C-alpha atoms as a PDB file:
ATOM      1  CA  UNK A   1     -92.266 117.658 -36.415  1.00  0.00           C
ATOM      2  CA  UNK A   2     -93.996 114.744 -34.813  1.00  0.00           C
ATOM      3  CA  UNK A   3     -94.912 112.037 -37.533  1.00  0.00           C
ATOM      4  CA  UNK A   4     -97.988 111.795 -35.986  1.00  0.00           C
ATOM      5  CA  UNK A   5     -99.653 114.936 -36.457  1.00  0.00           C
ATOM      6  CA  UNK A   6    -101.108 115.076 -40.359  1.00  0.00           C
ATOM      7  CA  UNK A   7    -101.612 118.086 -42.384  1.00  0.00           C
ATOM      8  CA  UNK A   8    -105.459 118.784 -42.031  1.00  0.00           C
ATOM      9  CA  UNK A   9    -105.856 121.188 -44.739  1.00  0.00           C
ATOM     10  CA  UNK A  10    -107.447 121.126 -48.057  1.00  0.00           C
ATOM     11  CA  UNK A  11    -109.058 117.561 -48.154  1.00  0.00           C
ATOM     12  CA  UNK A  12    -112.514 116.514 -48.943  1.00  0.00           C
ATOM     13  CA  UNK A  13    -114.267 116.008 -46.771  1.00  0.00           C
ATOM     14  CA  UNK A  14    -112.643 118.778 -44.594  1.00  0.00           C
ATOM     15  CA  UNK A  15    -111.097 117.301 -41.336  1.00  0.00           C
ATOM     16  CA  UNK A  16    -112.913 116.015 -38.479  1.00  0.00           C
ATOM     17  CA  UNK A  17    -113.284 117.755 -35.028  1.00  0.00           C
ATOM     18  CA  UNK A  18    -111.608 114.113 -33.953  1.00  0.00           C
ATOM     19  CA  UNK A  19    -108.805 114.521 -36.587  1.00  0.00           C
ATOM     20  CA  UNK A  20    -107.967 118.280 -35.008  1.00  0.00           C
ATOM     21  CA  UNK A  21    -108.316 117.448 -31.524  1.00  0.00           C
ATOM     22  CA  UNK A  22    -105.825 114.677 -31.861  1.00  0.00           C
ATOM     23  CA  UNK A  23    -103.446 116.972 -33.824  1.00  0.00           C
ATOM     24  CA  UNK A  24    -103.712 119.319 -30.913  1.00  0.00           C
ATOM     25  CA  UNK A  25    -103.643 116.338 -28.211  1.00  0.00           C
ATOM     26  CA  UNK A  26     -99.782 115.474 -29.913  1.00  0.00           C
ATOM     27  CA  UNK A  27     -98.179 118.536 -30.564  1.00  0.00           C
ATOM     28  CA  UNK A  28     -98.907 119.283 -26.752  1.00  0.00           C
ATOM     29  CA  UNK A  29     -97.263 116.301 -25.993  1.00  0.00           C
ATOM     30  CA  UNK A  30     -94.327 116.989 -28.252  1.00  0.00           C
ATOM     31  CA  UNK A  31     -94.210 120.162 -26.567  1.00  0.00           C
ATOM     32  CA  UNK A  32     -94.719 119.453 -23.130  1.00  0.00           C
ATOM     33  CA  UNK A  33     -92.034 116.493 -23.264  1.00  0.00           C
ATOM     34  CA  UNK A  34     -94.805 114.056 -21.749  1.00  0.00           C
ATOM     35  CA  UNK A  35     -97.799 111.882 -22.638  1.00  0.00           C
ATOM     36  CA  UNK A  36     -99.382 111.550 -19.828  1.00  0.00           C
ATOM     37  CA  UNK A  37     -99.012 114.698 -17.053  1.00  0.00           C
ATOM     38  CA  UNK A  38     -98.878 114.293 -13.505  1.00  0.00           C
ATOM     39  CA  UNK A  39    -102.408 115.263 -11.368  1.00  0.00           C
ATOM     40  CA  UNK A  40    -100.204 118.472 -10.925  1.00  0.00           C
ATOM     41  CA  UNK A  41    -100.263 119.339 -14.864  1.00  0.00           C
ATOM     42  CA  UNK A  42    -103.389 117.827 -16.006  1.00  0.00           C
ATOM     43  CA  UNK A  43    -105.396 120.828 -15.547  1.00  0.00           C
ATOM     44  CA  UNK A  44    -102.886 122.911 -17.453  1.00  0.00           C
ATOM     45  CA  UNK A  45    -102.385 120.294 -19.554  1.00  0.00           C
ATOM     46  CA  UNK A  46    -105.915 119.578 -20.628  1.00  0.00           C
ATOM     47  CA  UNK A  47    -106.848 122.936 -21.138  1.00  0.00           C
ATOM     48  CA  UNK A  48    -103.523 123.565 -23.845  1.00  0.00           C
ATOM     49  CA  UNK A  49    -104.910 120.690 -25.522  1.00  0.00           C
ATOM     50  CA  UNK A  50    -108.422 122.550 -26.222  1.00  0.00           C
ATOM     51  CA  UNK A  51    -107.410 125.771 -26.719  1.00  0.00           C
ATOM     52  CA  UNK A  52    -104.706 123.947 -29.683  1.00  0.00           C
ATOM     53  CA  UNK A  53    -107.384 122.236 -31.024  1.00  0.00           C
ATOM     54  CA  UNK A  54    -109.524 126.102 -31.249  1.00  0.00           C
ATOM     55  CA  UNK A  55    -106.773 127.820 -32.817  1.00  0.00           C
ATOM     56  CA  UNK A  56    -105.885 124.674 -35.199  1.00  0.00           C
ATOM     57  CA  UNK A  57    -110.064 124.723 -36.021  1.00  0.00           C
ATOM     58  CA  UNK A  58    -109.946 128.427 -36.988  1.00  0.00           C
ATOM     59  CA  UNK A  59    -106.787 128.146 -39.090  1.00  0.00           C
ATOM     60  CA  UNK A  60    -107.888 124.951 -41.008  1.00  0.00           C
ATOM     61  CA  UNK A  61    -111.410 127.024 -41.516  1.00  0.00           C
ATOM     62  CA  UNK A  62    -109.949 129.999 -42.520  1.00  0.00           C
ATOM     63  CA  UNK A  63    -106.688 129.162 -45.302  1.00  0.00           C
ATOM     64  CA  UNK A  64    -107.969 129.258 -48.886  1.00  0.00           C
ATOM     65  CA  UNK A  65    -106.384 127.754 -51.263  1.00  0.00           C
ATOM     66  CA  UNK A  66    -106.652 127.220 -55.283  1.00  0.00           C
ATOM     67  CA  UNK A  67    -105.780 123.824 -55.297  1.00  0.00           C
ATOM     68  CA  UNK A  68    -108.520 121.314 -55.516  1.00  0.00           C
ATOM     69  CA  UNK A  69    -109.064 119.216 -52.459  1.00  0.00           C
ATOM     70  CA  UNK A  70    -107.091 115.739 -51.980  1.00  0.00           C
ATOM     71  CA  UNK A  71    -108.631 112.853 -51.265  1.00  0.00           C
ATOM     72  CA  UNK A  72    -108.133 111.140 -48.210  1.00  0.00           C
ATOM     73  CA  UNK A  73    -107.962 107.599 -49.498  1.00  0.00           C
ATOM     74  CA  UNK A  74    -105.181 108.413 -52.165  1.00  0.00           C
ATOM     75  CA  UNK A  75    -103.405 110.299 -49.656  1.00  0.00           C
ATOM     76  CA  UNK A  76    -103.583 107.221 -47.216  1.00  0.00           C
ATOM     77  CA  UNK A  77    -102.723 105.065 -50.206  1.00  0.00           C
ATOM     78  CA  UNK A  78     -99.269 107.267 -50.850  1.00  0.00           C
ATOM     79  CA  UNK A  79     -98.504 107.132 -47.103  1.00  0.00           C
ATOM     80  CA  UNK A  80     -98.543 103.671 -46.981  1.00  0.00           C
ATOM     81  CA  UNK A  81     -96.344 103.389 -50.318  1.00  0.00           C
ATOM     82  CA  UNK A  82     -93.672 105.954 -48.248  1.00  0.00           C
ATOM     83  CA  UNK A  83     -93.570 103.517 -44.919  1.00  0.00           C
ATOM     84  CA  UNK A  84     -93.329 100.426 -46.903  1.00  0.00           C
ATOM     85  CA  UNK A  85     -90.221 101.619 -48.557  1.00  0.00           C
ATOM     86  CA  UNK A  86     -89.014 102.926 -45.325  1.00  0.00           C
ATOM     87  CA  UNK A  87     -89.652 100.213 -42.763  1.00  0.00           C
ATOM     88  CA  UNK A  88     -88.783  97.606 -45.649  1.00  0.00           C
ATOM     89  CA  UNK A  89     -85.532  95.620 -44.603  1.00  0.00           C
END
């Protein structure tokens, strides 16, 4: 999975539309194998991003969990600590 795609479920506050769109863009880039589509493919690329974002929003909004919502700052701190361990030399 692309490391730039972040979990979006069960956060307080909930995932924003910008976060959902960013995840959709990363997914479509990964699947299509290109970060910048040609002019001939731009329309279908943009349509795919919009559709993936719509379905992702539907998924995130529809998921049910009994776990308490995760704190964004605490999760970000954990990610920074993991990155520090991974990239420290």
